[in-house]
Amino acid sequence: MQEERIMKDCTNGGCQCTPNQSISCTVNNCAHHCQDSNYCGLTSIRVGTHEANPTEIKCTDCQSFELK
């Protein structure tokens, strides 16, 4: 399994989340959420399910979520 890494832009005197424009995200309380935009700062995420037979969007989860 490939480990995710947060993309950082460490210029202008500090590190800020670099939005991965391939991963849209609106979960503001996730540690990987770029606060200035609705994108994730990880290079990749894991998507999984909590259902035995997922049939709807609500049956899937971002398993890379970490509480701030």
Foldseek 3Di string as FASTA:
>chain_A
DDDKDFDWDQPPPGTAGDFDVVAFADPVQFPQARVVHRGGRIPDWDKAAPDPDDDDPVRIDTPVGDGD
